[in-house]
Amino acid sequence: MQPAELTVLLRKWSQGDAAAAEQLTPLVYGELQRLARARLRRERANSTLHSGELVNEAWLRLAGSSNIVWQDRNHFFALSSSIMRRILVDRARARLRVRRGSGALTVALDDVVLNQLAGPVELLSLDDALTTLAKLDQNQCRVVELRFFCGLSVEETADALGLSKATVNRYWATARAWLAREMTRTP
C-alpha cells in the first residue's frame, strides 16, 4: 500500500470510521512489530515482554485515543514509538515499585546510540534525561525517540520528522553528547 493510501485510511479512522481502523490493522501491524522488536532487542535478555504484547498494548492505546487527527503515516509511527516508550517506562516503574527500588529495567546503549556511555543504563534514567531534553529541545528528543526507541535510520527519521538528513545528524550528535553527559553525572 502506498503511503498516501495509508494516510487516507488514518484520516478516515480519526473521523470515526471503524471500517478504516479494521483495514489499517493488517497494514500497520508488521511495521509496528518491527519497531517493537527493535526496541525490545535493547532490553534485558530476561524481559518477559514480547514484541506482540508491546504492539497489542500500543494498538489498544492508539485505538482508545479518539481525539487524534492523523497527519500521515509518519505521524502515526512517530506517535506509536512514543507510546511504546511510555509502555516500557511504565512497566519499569511498576517493576521498581514491586521490588522496592532494586532490579531496574536496563538498556544497553551500544555504539550506535550514545557511544560515550560504557555499559548498561537504566531505562528510567534515560527517560528522565529525555524528559529534560524535551524541555530544552523537542526536536532533538524526537530524533532520539525515533532512532533509539524505534530503530529508524537517519533517512527514515528525516522523513518522519520532515527534516533534512543533515539536520537529523546534527540533532542526533548533539542529543547523544548531551545525554551522555546528563546520564553520567553523579547525583
N, C-alpha and C. Protein backbone atom coordinates (compact mmCIF):
# COMPACT_ATOMS: atom_id res chain seq x y z
N MET A 1 0.84 -1.19 0.00
CA MET A 1 0.00 0.00 0.00
C MET A 1 0.89 1.25 0.00
N GLN A 2 0.49 2.22 -0.75
CA GLN A 2 1.22 3.48 -0.86
C GLN A 2 1.01 4.32 0.39
N PRO A 3 2.02 5.13 0.79
CA PRO A 3 1.86 5.99 1.96
C PRO A 3 0.64 6.90 1.88
N ALA A 4 0.31 7.38 0.69
CA ALA A 4 -0.85 8.26 0.54
C ALA A 4 -2.15 7.53 0.86
N GLU A 5 -2.23 6.26 0.45
CA GLU A 5 -3.43 5.47 0.74
C GLU A 5 -3.55 5.22 2.24
N LEU A 6 -2.42 4.96 2.88
CA LEU A 6 -2.40 4.76 4.33
C LEU A 6 -2.83 6.03 5.05
N THR A 7 -2.37 7.16 4.57
CA THR A 7 -2.77 8.44 5.14
C THR A 7 -4.27 8.65 5.04
N VAL A 8 -4.85 8.29 3.92
CA VAL A 8 -6.30 8.42 3.75
C VAL A 8 -7.03 7.57 4.77
N LEU A 9 -6.59 6.33 4.96
CA LEU A 9 -7.21 5.45 5.96
C LEU A 9 -7.06 6.01 7.37
N LEU A 10 -5.87 6.54 7.68
CA LEU A 10 -5.64 7.12 9.01
C LEU A 10 -6.59 8.29 9.26
N ARG A 11 -6.76 9.11 8.27
CA ARG A 11 -7.65 10.27 8.43
C ARG A 11 -9.10 9.83 8.59
N LYS A 12 -9.51 8.81 7.84
CA LYS A 12 -10.87 8.29 7.99
C LYS A 12 -11.06 7.73 9.40
N TRP A 13 -10.03 7.02 9.87
CA TRP A 13 -10.09 6.46 11.23
C TRP A 13 -10.25 7.56 12.26
N SER A 14 -9.49 8.64 12.10
CA SER A 14 -9.58 9.74 13.08
C SER A 14 -10.93 10.44 13.03
N GLN A 15 -11.67 10.25 11.93
CA GLN A 15 -13.01 10.81 11.82
C GLN A 15 -14.07 9.83 12.30
N GLY A 16 -13.63 8.70 12.85
CA GLY A 16 -14.56 7.75 13.45
C GLY A 16 -14.97 6.59 12.57
N ASP A 17 -14.34 6.41 11.43
CA ASP A 17 -14.68 5.33 10.52
C ASP A 17 -14.08 4.02 11.02
N ALA A 18 -14.92 3.15 11.60
CA ALA A 18 -14.46 1.88 12.17
C ALA A 18 -13.92 0.95 11.09
N ALA A 19 -14.49 1.01 9.91
CA ALA A 19 -14.03 0.16 8.81
C ALA A 19 -12.59 0.51 8.43
N ALA A 20 -12.26 1.78 8.49
CA ALA A 20 -10.90 2.21 8.18
C ALA A 20 -9.92 1.64 9.20
N ALA A 21 -10.32 1.61 10.48
CA ALA A 21 -9.46 1.04 11.52
C ALA A 21 -9.22 -0.44 11.26
N GLU A 22 -10.26 -1.15 10.82
CA GLU A 22 -10.12 -2.58 10.51
C GLU A 22 -9.19 -2.79 9.32
N GLN A 23 -9.26 -1.92 8.35
CA GLN A 23 -8.38 -2.02 7.18
C GLN A 23 -6.94 -1.69 7.56
N LEU A 24 -6.76 -0.76 8.49
CA LEU A 24 -5.42 -0.34 8.90
C LEU A 24 -4.66 -1.43 9.64
N THR A 25 -5.35 -2.16 10.48
CA THR A 25 -4.68 -3.10 11.37
C THR A 25 -3.69 -4.00 10.63
N PRO A 26 -4.09 -4.74 9.61
CA PRO A 26 -3.10 -5.61 8.96
C PRO A 26 -2.02 -4.83 8.20
N LEU A 27 -2.32 -3.61 7.81
CA LEU A 27 -1.36 -2.81 7.05
C LEU A 27 -0.23 -2.27 7.91
N VAL A 28 -0.53 -1.92 9.16
CA VAL A 28 0.49 -1.31 10.02
C VAL A 28 1.08 -2.29 11.02
N TYR A 29 0.44 -3.43 11.21
CA TYR A 29 0.87 -4.37 12.24
C TYR A 29 2.31 -4.84 12.03
N GLY A 30 2.68 -5.17 10.81
CA GLY A 30 4.03 -5.63 10.52
C GLY A 30 5.09 -4.60 10.87
N GLU A 31 4.83 -3.35 10.50
CA GLU A 31 5.78 -2.28 10.81
C GLU A 31 5.85 -2.04 12.32
N LEU A 32 4.72 -2.10 13.00
CA LEU A 32 4.71 -1.95 14.46
C LEU A 32 5.50 -3.10 15.11
N GLN A 33 5.35 -4.30 14.57
CA GLN A 33 6.11 -5.45 15.09
C GLN A 33 7.60 -5.21 14.93
N ARG A 34 8.02 -4.69 13.77
CA ARG A 34 9.43 -4.41 13.52
C ARG A 34 9.96 -3.38 14.52
N LEU A 35 9.18 -2.34 14.76
CA LEU A 35 9.57 -1.32 15.72
C LEU A 35 9.69 -1.91 17.12
N ALA A 36 8.73 -2.73 17.50
CA ALA A 36 8.73 -3.33 18.83
C ALA A 36 9.93 -4.27 19.00
N ARG A 37 10.21 -5.09 17.98
CA ARG A 37 11.35 -6.00 18.07
C ARG A 37 12.65 -5.22 18.20
N ALA A 38 12.79 -4.14 17.43
CA ALA A 38 14.00 -3.32 17.52
C ALA A 38 14.14 -2.73 18.91
N ARG A 39 13.05 -2.30 19.48
CA ARG A 39 13.09 -1.71 20.81
C ARG A 39 13.40 -2.75 21.87
N LEU A 40 12.77 -3.89 21.78
CA LEU A 40 12.96 -4.93 22.80
C LEU A 40 14.33 -5.58 22.72
N ARG A 41 15.00 -5.53 21.57
CA ARG A 41 16.37 -6.06 21.48
C ARG A 41 17.29 -5.31 22.43
N ARG A 42 16.95 -4.09 22.75
CA ARG A 42 17.78 -3.29 23.64
C ARG A 42 17.46 -3.52 25.11
N GLU A 43 16.43 -4.29 25.36
CA GLU A 43 16.02 -4.58 26.74
C GLU A 43 16.86 -5.70 27.31
N ARG A 44 16.67 -5.94 28.60
CA ARG A 44 17.35 -7.05 29.26
C ARG A 44 16.96 -8.35 28.58
N ALA A 45 17.88 -9.30 28.62
CA ALA A 45 17.64 -10.59 27.99
C ALA A 45 16.49 -11.34 28.65
N ASN A 46 16.27 -11.12 29.94
CA ASN A 46 15.22 -11.86 30.64
C ASN A 46 13.92 -11.07 30.73
N SER A 47 13.73 -10.11 29.86
CA SER A 47 12.48 -9.36 29.84
C SER A 47 11.33 -10.29 29.49
N THR A 48 10.22 -10.13 30.19
CA THR A 48 9.08 -11.01 29.95
C THR A 48 8.14 -10.45 28.89
N LEU A 49 8.38 -9.26 28.42
CA LEU A 49 7.51 -8.65 27.42
C LEU A 49 7.96 -9.08 26.02
N HIS A 50 7.02 -9.49 25.21
CA HIS A 50 7.31 -9.88 23.84
C HIS A 50 6.81 -8.80 22.89
N SER A 51 7.37 -8.79 21.69
CA SER A 51 7.03 -7.74 20.73
C SER A 51 5.53 -7.71 20.43
N GLY A 52 4.90 -8.86 20.33
CA GLY A 52 3.46 -8.90 20.07
C GLY A 52 2.66 -8.24 21.19
N GLU A 53 3.09 -8.46 22.43
CA GLU A 53 2.40 -7.84 23.56
C GLU A 53 2.58 -6.33 23.54
N LEU A 54 3.79 -5.89 23.21
CA LEU A 54 4.06 -4.45 23.15
C LEU A 54 3.23 -3.81 22.04
N VAL A 55 3.17 -4.46 20.89
CA VAL A 55 2.37 -3.93 19.77
C VAL A 55 0.89 -3.90 20.14
N ASN A 56 0.40 -4.97 20.73
CA ASN A 56 -1.02 -5.02 21.11
C ASN A 56 -1.38 -3.94 22.11
N GLU A 57 -0.52 -3.73 23.12
CA GLU A 57 -0.81 -2.70 24.10
C GLU A 57 -0.75 -1.31 23.46
N ALA A 58 0.23 -1.10 22.59
CA ALA A 58 0.32 0.20 21.90
C ALA A 58 -0.91 0.41 21.02
N TRP A 59 -1.34 -0.64 20.31
CA TRP A 59 -2.51 -0.53 19.43
C TRP A 59 -3.76 -0.21 20.25
N LEU A 60 -3.91 -0.85 21.41
CA LEU A 60 -5.07 -0.57 22.26
C LEU A 60 -5.07 0.89 22.71
N ARG A 61 -3.91 1.40 23.05
CA ARG A 61 -3.84 2.81 23.47
C ARG A 61 -4.15 3.74 22.31
N LEU A 62 -3.65 3.39 21.12
CA LEU A 62 -3.94 4.20 19.94
C LEU A 62 -5.43 4.16 19.62
N ALA A 63 -6.01 2.98 19.67
CA ALA A 63 -7.44 2.83 19.36
C ALA A 63 -8.31 3.54 20.38
N GLY A 64 -7.83 3.65 21.62
CA GLY A 64 -8.59 4.32 22.66
C GLY A 64 -8.47 5.83 22.63
N SER A 65 -7.62 6.34 21.78
CA SER A 65 -7.43 7.79 21.66
C SER A 65 -8.27 8.32 20.52
N SER A 66 -9.44 8.79 20.83
CA SER A 66 -10.36 9.23 19.77
C SER A 66 -10.10 10.66 19.29
N ASN A 67 -9.25 11.39 19.97
CA ASN A 67 -9.06 12.78 19.61
C ASN A 67 -7.81 13.03 18.76
N ILE A 68 -7.21 11.98 18.22
CA ILE A 68 -6.02 12.15 17.39
C ILE A 68 -6.44 12.44 15.95
N VAL A 69 -5.88 13.48 15.38
CA VAL A 69 -6.10 13.79 13.97
C VAL A 69 -4.79 13.44 13.26
N TRP A 70 -4.82 12.32 12.55
CA TRP A 70 -3.60 11.83 11.91
C TRP A 70 -3.22 12.71 10.73
N GLN A 71 -1.95 13.11 10.70
CA GLN A 71 -1.44 13.91 9.59
C GLN A 71 -1.04 13.00 8.43
N ASP A 72 -0.31 11.93 8.74
CA ASP A 72 0.16 11.00 7.72
C ASP A 72 0.73 9.76 8.40
N ARG A 73 1.28 8.86 7.61
CA ARG A 73 1.83 7.61 8.15
C ARG A 73 2.99 7.88 9.09
N ASN A 74 3.82 8.89 8.79
CA ASN A 74 4.95 9.23 9.66
C ASN A 74 4.47 9.66 11.04
N HIS A 75 3.42 10.45 11.07
CA HIS A 75 2.84 10.89 12.33
C HIS A 75 2.35 9.68 13.13
N PHE A 76 1.71 8.74 12.45
CA PHE A 76 1.22 7.53 13.11
C PHE A 76 2.37 6.74 13.74
N PHE A 77 3.44 6.49 12.99
CA PHE A 77 4.54 5.68 13.52
C PHE A 77 5.35 6.44 14.57
N ALA A 78 5.45 7.75 14.45
CA ALA A 78 6.13 8.53 15.48
C ALA A 78 5.36 8.46 16.79
N LEU A 79 4.05 8.60 16.73
CA LEU A 79 3.24 8.51 17.94
C LEU A 79 3.26 7.09 18.50
N SER A 80 3.26 6.11 17.63
CA SER A 80 3.36 4.71 18.07
C SER A 80 4.66 4.48 18.83
N SER A 81 5.74 5.07 18.34
CA SER A 81 7.03 4.96 19.00
C SER A 81 6.99 5.56 20.40
N SER A 82 6.38 6.74 20.51
CA SER A 82 6.26 7.39 21.81
C SER A 82 5.43 6.55 22.78
N ILE A 83 4.38 5.94 22.27
CA ILE A 83 3.52 5.10 23.11
C ILE A 83 4.29 3.87 23.57
N MET A 84 5.08 3.26 22.69
CA MET A 84 5.88 2.10 23.09
C MET A 84 6.88 2.49 24.17
N ARG A 85 7.49 3.64 24.01
CA ARG A 85 8.43 4.12 25.04
C ARG A 85 7.70 4.26 26.37
N ARG A 86 6.52 4.87 26.34
CA ARG A 86 5.75 5.08 27.58
C ARG A 86 5.38 3.74 28.23
N ILE A 87 4.99 2.77 27.42
CA ILE A 87 4.65 1.45 27.95
C ILE A 87 5.85 0.83 28.65
N LEU A 88 7.01 0.89 28.02
CA LEU A 88 8.20 0.29 28.62
C LEU A 88 8.62 1.02 29.90
N VAL A 89 8.50 2.33 29.89
CA VAL A 89 8.84 3.09 31.09
C VAL A 89 7.84 2.79 32.21
N ASP A 90 6.56 2.71 31.88
CA ASP A 90 5.54 2.36 32.89
C ASP A 90 5.81 0.99 33.48
N ARG A 91 6.18 0.03 32.64
CA ARG A 91 6.50 -1.32 33.15
C ARG A 91 7.73 -1.28 34.05
N ALA A 92 8.72 -0.48 33.68
CA ALA A 92 9.92 -0.37 34.51
C ALA A 92 9.58 0.23 35.87
N ARG A 93 8.75 1.26 35.87
CA ARG A 93 8.36 1.87 37.14
C ARG A 93 7.58 0.89 38.01
N ALA A 94 6.69 0.14 37.40
CA ALA A 94 5.91 -0.84 38.15
C ALA A 94 6.83 -1.91 38.73
N ARG A 95 7.78 -2.32 37.95
CA ARG A 95 8.73 -3.33 38.42
C ARG A 95 9.54 -2.81 39.60
N LEU A 96 9.94 -1.54 39.54
CA LEU A 96 10.68 -0.94 40.65
C LEU A 96 9.83 -0.86 41.90
N ARG A 97 8.55 -0.53 41.74
CA ARG A 97 7.66 -0.48 42.90
C ARG A 97 7.56 -1.83 43.56
N VAL A 98 7.45 -2.86 42.75
CA VAL A 98 7.33 -4.22 43.29
C VAL A 98 8.60 -4.61 44.02
N ARG A 99 9.73 -4.27 43.48
CA ARG A 99 11.00 -4.67 44.08
C ARG A 99 11.55 -3.62 45.05
N ARG A 100 10.81 -2.59 45.25
CA ARG A 100 11.21 -1.52 46.17
C ARG A 100 12.60 -0.95 45.87
N GLY A 101 12.78 -0.62 44.60
CA GLY A 101 13.99 0.09 44.22
C GLY A 101 15.08 -0.74 43.61
N SER A 102 14.99 -2.06 43.64
CA SER A 102 16.07 -2.84 43.04
C SER A 102 15.61 -3.46 41.74
N GLY A 103 16.55 -3.86 40.94
CA GLY A 103 16.24 -4.55 39.69
C GLY A 103 15.64 -3.68 38.62
N ALA A 104 16.08 -2.44 38.50
CA ALA A 104 15.55 -1.56 37.46
C ALA A 104 15.80 -2.15 36.08
N LEU A 105 14.84 -1.99 35.21
CA LEU A 105 14.98 -2.44 33.84
C LEU A 105 16.10 -1.64 33.20
N THR A 106 17.04 -2.34 32.56
CA THR A 106 18.19 -1.64 31.99
C THR A 106 18.21 -1.75 30.49
N VAL A 107 18.91 -0.81 29.90
CA VAL A 107 19.06 -0.76 28.45
C VAL A 107 20.54 -0.66 28.16
N ALA A 108 21.04 -1.46 27.26
CA ALA A 108 22.43 -1.33 26.85
C ALA A 108 22.47 -0.36 25.68
N LEU A 109 23.12 0.75 25.87
CA LEU A 109 23.22 1.76 24.81
C LEU A 109 24.52 1.49 24.07
N ASP A 110 24.42 0.80 22.93
CA ASP A 110 25.60 0.38 22.21
C ASP A 110 26.23 1.51 21.43
N ASP A 111 27.23 1.15 20.62
CA ASP A 111 27.96 2.20 19.90
C ASP A 111 27.12 2.90 18.86
N VAL A 112 25.96 2.35 18.49
CA VAL A 112 25.08 3.06 17.57
C VAL A 112 24.41 4.21 18.29
N VAL A 113 24.15 4.04 19.59
CA VAL A 113 23.46 5.03 20.37
C VAL A 113 24.32 5.40 21.56
N LEU A 114 24.58 6.65 21.75
CA LEU A 114 25.30 7.18 22.89
C LEU A 114 26.65 6.49 23.10
N ASN A 115 27.55 6.64 22.11
CA ASN A 115 28.85 5.99 22.15
C ASN A 115 29.62 6.30 23.42
N GLN A 116 29.39 7.45 23.99
CA GLN A 116 30.18 7.88 25.13
C GLN A 116 29.91 7.08 26.39
N LEU A 117 28.80 6.37 26.47
CA LEU A 117 28.48 5.63 27.67
C LEU A 117 29.00 4.21 27.59
N ALA A 118 29.59 3.76 28.66
CA ALA A 118 30.06 2.37 28.72
C ALA A 118 29.13 1.59 29.63
N GLY A 119 28.64 0.46 29.16
CA GLY A 119 27.81 -0.40 29.99
C GLY A 119 26.35 -0.04 29.92
N PRO A 120 25.53 -0.78 30.68
CA PRO A 120 24.09 -0.58 30.64
C PRO A 120 23.66 0.68 31.39
N VAL A 121 22.55 1.21 31.00
CA VAL A 121 21.99 2.40 31.63
C VAL A 121 20.55 2.08 31.97
N GLU A 122 20.07 2.55 33.09
CA GLU A 122 18.69 2.29 33.47
C GLU A 122 17.73 3.01 32.53
N LEU A 123 16.70 2.29 32.14
CA LEU A 123 15.69 2.86 31.25
C LEU A 123 15.04 4.08 31.88
N LEU A 124 14.84 4.03 33.18
CA LEU A 124 14.22 5.18 33.84
C LEU A 124 15.13 6.40 33.81
N SER A 125 16.42 6.18 33.95
CA SER A 125 17.36 7.30 33.86
C SER A 125 17.33 7.91 32.46
N LEU A 126 17.26 7.04 31.46
CA LEU A 126 17.18 7.53 30.09
C LEU A 126 15.88 8.32 29.89
N ASP A 127 14.79 7.81 30.42
CA ASP A 127 13.51 8.50 30.28
C ASP A 127 13.56 9.87 30.97
N ASP A 128 14.13 9.92 32.17
CA ASP A 128 14.27 11.20 32.87
C ASP A 128 15.11 12.19 32.06
N ALA A 129 16.22 11.68 31.51
CA ALA A 129 17.08 12.55 30.71
C ALA A 129 16.36 13.03 29.45
N LEU A 130 15.59 12.14 28.82
CA LEU A 130 14.84 12.54 27.62
C LEU A 130 13.74 13.54 27.95
N THR A 131 13.13 13.39 29.10
CA THR A 131 12.12 14.36 29.53
C THR A 131 12.75 15.74 29.70
N THR A 132 13.93 15.78 30.28
CA THR A 132 14.64 17.05 30.44
C THR A 132 15.05 17.60 29.07
N LEU A 133 15.55 16.72 28.20
CA LEU A 133 15.94 17.15 26.86
C LEU A 133 14.76 17.71 26.09
N ALA A 134 13.58 17.11 26.24
CA ALA A 134 12.39 17.59 25.54
C ALA A 134 12.06 19.02 25.94
N LYS A 135 12.32 19.37 27.18
CA LYS A 135 12.07 20.75 27.63
C LYS A 135 13.06 21.72 27.01
N LEU A 136 14.28 21.22 26.74
CA LEU A 136 15.32 22.06 26.15
C LEU A 136 15.21 22.13 24.62
N ASP A 137 14.97 20.97 24.01
CA ASP A 137 14.89 20.91 22.55
C ASP A 137 14.03 19.72 22.14
N GLN A 138 12.80 20.00 21.81
CA GLN A 138 11.83 18.95 21.44
C GLN A 138 12.29 18.18 20.21
N ASN A 139 12.90 18.85 19.24
CA ASN A 139 13.34 18.17 18.02
C ASN A 139 14.42 17.14 18.31
N GLN A 140 15.38 17.49 19.15
CA GLN A 140 16.42 16.53 19.49
C GLN A 140 15.83 15.32 20.22
N CYS A 141 14.88 15.56 21.09
CA CYS A 141 14.23 14.48 21.80
C CYS A 141 13.51 13.55 20.83
N ARG A 142 12.80 14.11 19.87
CA ARG A 142 12.06 13.30 18.89
C ARG A 142 13.03 12.45 18.05
N VAL A 143 14.17 13.04 17.69
CA VAL A 143 15.17 12.29 16.93
C VAL A 143 15.67 11.10 17.74
N VAL A 144 15.95 11.31 19.02
CA VAL A 144 16.41 10.20 19.87
C VAL A 144 15.32 9.14 19.99
N GLU A 145 14.08 9.56 20.19
CA GLU A 145 12.98 8.59 20.30
C GLU A 145 12.89 7.72 19.05
N LEU A 146 12.93 8.36 17.90
CA LEU A 146 12.78 7.60 16.66
C LEU A 146 14.00 6.74 16.36
N ARG A 147 15.19 7.26 16.61
CA ARG A 147 16.40 6.49 16.33
C ARG A 147 16.57 5.37 17.35
N PHE A 148 16.43 5.67 18.63
CA PHE A 148 16.70 4.67 19.67
C PHE A 148 15.51 3.76 19.93
N PHE A 149 14.35 4.34 20.18
CA PHE A 149 13.19 3.53 20.55
C PHE A 149 12.55 2.84 19.36
N CYS A 150 12.62 3.43 18.19
CA CYS A 150 12.03 2.81 17.00
C CYS A 150 13.06 2.10 16.15
N GLY A 151 14.33 2.47 16.30
CA GLY A 151 15.36 1.87 15.47
C GLY A 151 15.36 2.38 14.04
N LEU A 152 14.82 3.59 13.83
CA LEU A 152 14.79 4.15 12.48
C LEU A 152 16.17 4.62 12.06
N SER A 153 16.43 4.57 10.78
CA SER A 153 17.67 5.09 10.23
C SER A 153 17.60 6.62 10.19
N VAL A 154 18.72 7.23 9.84
CA VAL A 154 18.74 8.70 9.70
C VAL A 154 17.75 9.13 8.63
N GLU A 155 17.73 8.40 7.51
CA GLU A 155 16.83 8.74 6.41
C GLU A 155 15.37 8.61 6.83
N GLU A 156 15.03 7.51 7.52
CA GLU A 156 13.66 7.30 7.97
C GLU A 156 13.24 8.35 8.99
N THR A 157 14.17 8.72 9.88
CA THR A 157 13.89 9.75 10.88
C THR A 157 13.66 11.09 10.21
N ALA A 158 14.50 11.42 9.24
CA ALA A 158 14.35 12.68 8.50
C ALA A 158 12.99 12.72 7.82
N ASP A 159 12.60 11.62 7.21
CA ASP A 159 11.31 11.54 6.53
C ASP A 159 10.16 11.69 7.53
N ALA A 160 10.26 11.01 8.66
CA ALA A 160 9.20 11.04 9.66
C ALA A 160 9.00 12.43 10.25
N LEU A 161 10.10 13.17 10.41
CA LEU A 161 10.01 14.49 11.04
C LEU A 161 9.99 15.64 10.03
N GLY A 162 10.14 15.32 8.77
CA GLY A 162 10.14 16.36 7.75
C GLY A 162 11.38 17.24 7.82
N LEU A 163 12.52 16.63 8.15
CA LEU A 163 13.78 17.34 8.27
C LEU A 163 14.77 16.81 7.25
N SER A 164 15.85 17.54 7.03
CA SER A 164 16.90 17.04 6.15
C SER A 164 17.75 16.03 6.92
N LYS A 165 18.46 15.18 6.18
CA LYS A 165 19.34 14.20 6.83
C LYS A 165 20.44 14.91 7.61
N ALA A 166 20.93 16.02 7.08
CA ALA A 166 21.99 16.76 7.78
C ALA A 166 21.49 17.29 9.12
N THR A 167 20.26 17.77 9.15
CA THR A 167 19.68 18.28 10.40
C THR A 167 19.50 17.15 11.40
N VAL A 168 19.01 16.00 10.92
CA VAL A 168 18.84 14.85 11.81
C VAL A 168 20.19 14.43 12.37
N ASN A 169 21.22 14.36 11.52
CA ASN A 169 22.56 14.00 12.00
C ASN A 169 23.06 14.99 13.04
N ARG A 170 22.81 16.26 12.83
CA ARG A 170 23.24 17.29 13.78
C ARG A 170 22.51 17.14 15.11
N TYR A 171 21.18 16.99 15.05
CA TYR A 171 20.40 16.79 16.27
C TYR A 171 20.83 15.52 16.99
N TRP A 172 21.06 14.45 16.24
CA TRP A 172 21.44 13.16 16.79
C TRP A 172 22.78 13.27 17.54
N ALA A 173 23.75 13.91 16.91
CA ALA A 173 25.07 14.05 17.54
C ALA A 173 24.98 14.92 18.80
N THR A 174 24.25 16.01 18.71
CA THR A 174 24.11 16.91 19.86
C THR A 174 23.37 16.23 21.00
N ALA A 175 22.29 15.55 20.68
CA ALA A 175 21.50 14.87 21.70
C ALA A 175 22.30 13.75 22.37
N ARG A 176 23.05 12.97 21.58
CA ARG A 176 23.87 11.90 22.16
C ARG A 176 24.89 12.47 23.13
N ALA A 177 25.54 13.55 22.74
CA ALA A 177 26.54 14.16 23.62
C ALA A 177 25.88 14.68 24.89
N TRP A 178 24.75 15.34 24.75
CA TRP A 178 24.06 15.89 25.91
C TRP A 178 23.58 14.77 26.83
N LEU A 179 22.98 13.72 26.26
CA LEU A 179 22.50 12.60 27.08
C LEU A 179 23.65 11.87 27.77
N ALA A 180 24.76 11.72 27.06
CA ALA A 180 25.93 11.06 27.68
C ALA A 180 26.39 11.84 28.91
N ARG A 181 26.46 13.16 28.77
CA ARG A 181 26.88 13.99 29.90
C ARG A 181 25.85 13.93 31.01
N GLU A 182 24.58 14.04 30.65
CA GLU A 182 23.50 14.06 31.65
C GLU A 182 23.41 12.75 32.42
N MET A 183 23.58 11.65 31.73
CA MET A 183 23.38 10.34 32.34
C MET A 183 24.60 9.84 33.11
N THR A 184 25.75 10.44 32.89
CA THR A 184 26.95 10.03 33.63
C THR A 184 27.27 10.96 34.79
N ARG A 185 26.41 11.97 34.98
CA ARG A 185 26.59 12.85 36.13
C ARG A 185 26.38 12.09 37.42
N THR A 186 27.16 12.43 38.42
CA THR A 186 26.92 11.83 39.73
C THR A 186 25.92 12.71 40.45
N PRO A 187 24.91 12.11 41.12
CA PRO A 187 23.87 12.91 41.77
C PRO A 187 24.40 13.73 42.92
